[in-house]
């Protein structure tokens, strides 16, 4: 599935897609902070962050909205 930029990941590797507004949650903020500290975050947004895509290996910050990614993924659930 295309996440933005030149990044494509297999749909089977996607665990969760979150809207960047979800970042307001303390638990999500802590998770993203730890993932960043440990080098698991790949920012592909070009400064236009709309969603976080959690995969089995990395967390991508994508410029594509959750709704659009959900349409591309088909049956994968997403969080608003």
C-alpha atoms as a PDB file:
ATOM      1  CA  UNK A   1       0.000   0.000   0.000  1.00  0.00           C
ATOM      2  CA  UNK A   2       1.323   3.444  -0.919  1.00  0.00           C
ATOM      3  CA  UNK A   3       1.803   5.623   2.206  1.00  0.00           C
ATOM      4  CA  UNK A   4       3.154   8.740   0.521  1.00  0.00           C
ATOM      5  CA  UNK A   5       6.386   9.811  -1.100  1.00  0.00           C
ATOM      6  CA  UNK A   6       8.172   6.754  -2.429  1.00  0.00           C
ATOM      7  CA  UNK A   7       7.040   4.484   0.425  1.00  0.00           C
ATOM      8  CA  UNK A   8       5.040   1.330  -0.208  1.00  0.00           C
ATOM      9  CA  UNK A   9       4.468  -1.349   2.444  1.00  0.00           C
ATOM     10  CA  UNK A  10       2.639  -4.676   2.251  1.00  0.00           C
ATOM     11  CA  UNK A  11      -0.904  -4.386   3.664  1.00  0.00           C
ATOM     12  CA  UNK A  12      -0.259  -7.490   5.766  1.00  0.00           C
ATOM     13  CA  UNK A  13       2.440  -5.552   7.680  1.00  0.00           C
ATOM     14  CA  UNK A  14       0.099  -2.708   8.712  1.00  0.00           C
ATOM     15  CA  UNK A  15      -1.072  -2.966  12.302  1.00  0.00           C
ATOM     16  CA  UNK A  16      -2.868   0.352  12.729  1.00  0.00           C
ATOM     17  CA  UNK A  17      -3.513   3.693  11.038  1.00  0.00           C
ATOM     18  CA  UNK A  18      -4.063   6.689  13.336  1.00  0.00           C
ATOM     19  CA  UNK A  19      -5.051  10.248  12.629  1.00  0.00           C
ATOM     20  CA  UNK A  20      -2.460  12.755  13.864  1.00  0.00           C
ATOM     21  CA  UNK A  21      -5.165  14.236  16.113  1.00  0.00           C
ATOM     22  CA  UNK A  22      -4.987  10.990  18.116  1.00  0.00           C
ATOM     23  CA  UNK A  23      -1.545  12.217  19.181  1.00  0.00           C
ATOM     24  CA  UNK A  24      -3.339  14.278  21.882  1.00  0.00           C
ATOM     25  CA  UNK A  25      -3.858  11.046  23.846  1.00  0.00           C
ATOM     26  CA  UNK A  26      -1.175  10.687  26.566  1.00  0.00           C
ATOM     27  CA  UNK A  27      -0.685   6.977  25.817  1.00  0.00           C
ATOM     28  CA  UNK A  28      -0.276   7.604  22.092  1.00  0.00           C
ATOM     29  CA  UNK A  29       2.071  10.517  22.717  1.00  0.00           C
ATOM     30  CA  UNK A  30       4.233   8.310  24.945  1.00  0.00           C
ATOM     31  CA  UNK A  31       4.264   5.494  22.374  1.00  0.00           C
ATOM     32  CA  UNK A  32       5.279   7.849  19.530  1.00  0.00           C
ATOM     33  CA  UNK A  33       7.939   9.476  21.728  1.00  0.00           C
ATOM     34  CA  UNK A  34       9.484   6.101  22.647  1.00  0.00           C
ATOM     35  CA  UNK A  35       9.323   4.901  19.024  1.00  0.00           C
ATOM     36  CA  UNK A  36      11.107   8.097  17.970  1.00  0.00           C
ATOM     37  CA  UNK A  37      13.776   7.725  20.656  1.00  0.00           C
ATOM     38  CA  UNK A  38      14.438   4.177  19.503  1.00  0.00           C
ATOM     39  CA  UNK A  39      14.642   5.145  15.818  1.00  0.00           C
ATOM     40  CA  UNK A  40      11.473   3.449  14.604  1.00  0.00           C
ATOM     41  CA  UNK A  41       9.782   6.547  13.156  1.00  0.00           C
ATOM     42  CA  UNK A  42      10.121   7.386   9.473  1.00  0.00           C
ATOM     43  CA  UNK A  43       8.724  10.808   8.608  1.00  0.00           C
ATOM     44  CA  UNK A  44       7.620  10.759   4.972  1.00  0.00           C
ATOM     45  CA  UNK A  45       5.145  13.618   5.341  1.00  0.00           C
ATOM     46  CA  UNK A  46       7.236  16.498   4.087  1.00  0.00           C
ATOM     47  CA  UNK A  47       5.818  18.643   6.890  1.00  0.00           C
ATOM     48  CA  UNK A  48       2.173  17.773   6.120  1.00  0.00           C
ATOM     49  CA  UNK A  49       1.511  15.154   8.795  1.00  0.00           C
ATOM     50  CA  UNK A  50      -1.967  13.641   8.551  1.00  0.00           C
ATOM     51  CA  UNK A  51      -1.599  10.103   9.870  1.00  0.00           C
ATOM     52  CA  UNK A  52       0.604   7.617  11.669  1.00  0.00           C
ATOM     53  CA  UNK A  53       0.915   4.167  10.118  1.00  0.00           C
ATOM     54  CA  UNK A  54       2.126   1.535  12.562  1.00  0.00           C
ATOM     55  CA  UNK A  55       3.680  -1.453  10.811  1.00  0.00           C
ATOM     56  CA  UNK A  56       5.400  -4.559  12.106  1.00  0.00           C
ATOM     57  CA  UNK A  57       8.798  -2.817  11.779  1.00  0.00           C
ATOM     58  CA  UNK A  58       8.330   0.970  11.793  1.00  0.00           C
ATOM     59  CA  UNK A  59       5.972   3.864  12.385  1.00  0.00           C
ATOM     60  CA  UNK A  60       5.482   6.091   9.355  1.00  0.00           C
ATOM     61  CA  UNK A  61       4.269   9.678   9.567  1.00  0.00           C
ATOM     62  CA  UNK A  62       2.287  10.043   6.353  1.00  0.00           C
ATOM     63  CA  UNK A  63       0.947  13.048   4.441  1.00  0.00           C
ATOM     64  CA  UNK A  64      -2.091  10.978   3.433  1.00  0.00           C
ATOM     65  CA  UNK A  65      -5.271  11.086   5.536  1.00  0.00           C
ATOM     66  CA  UNK A  66      -6.580   8.084   7.458  1.00  0.00           C
ATOM     67  CA  UNK A  67      -9.706   8.032   5.318  1.00  0.00           C
ATOM     68  CA  UNK A  68      -7.710   7.794   2.078  1.00  0.00           C
ATOM     69  CA  UNK A  69      -5.388   5.143   3.520  1.00  0.00           C
ATOM     70  CA  UNK A  70      -8.415   3.175   4.717  1.00  0.00           C
ATOM     71  CA  UNK A  71      -9.853   3.215   1.192  1.00  0.00           C
ATOM     72  CA  UNK A  72      -6.534   1.981  -0.184  1.00  0.00           C
ATOM     73  CA  UNK A  73      -6.314  -0.746   2.435  1.00  0.00           C
ATOM     74  CA  UNK A  74      -9.862  -2.001   2.118  1.00  0.00           C
ATOM     75  CA  UNK A  75     -10.767  -3.742   5.372  1.00  0.00           C
ATOM     76  CA  UNK A  76      -8.047  -2.370   7.687  1.00  0.00           C
ATOM     77  CA  UNK A  77      -9.547  -0.450  10.629  1.00  0.00           C
ATOM     78  CA  UNK A  78      -8.340   3.052  11.485  1.00  0.00           C
ATOM     79  CA  UNK A  79      -8.631   5.403  14.437  1.00  0.00           C
ATOM     80  CA  UNK A  80      -9.870   8.974  14.311  1.00  0.00           C
END
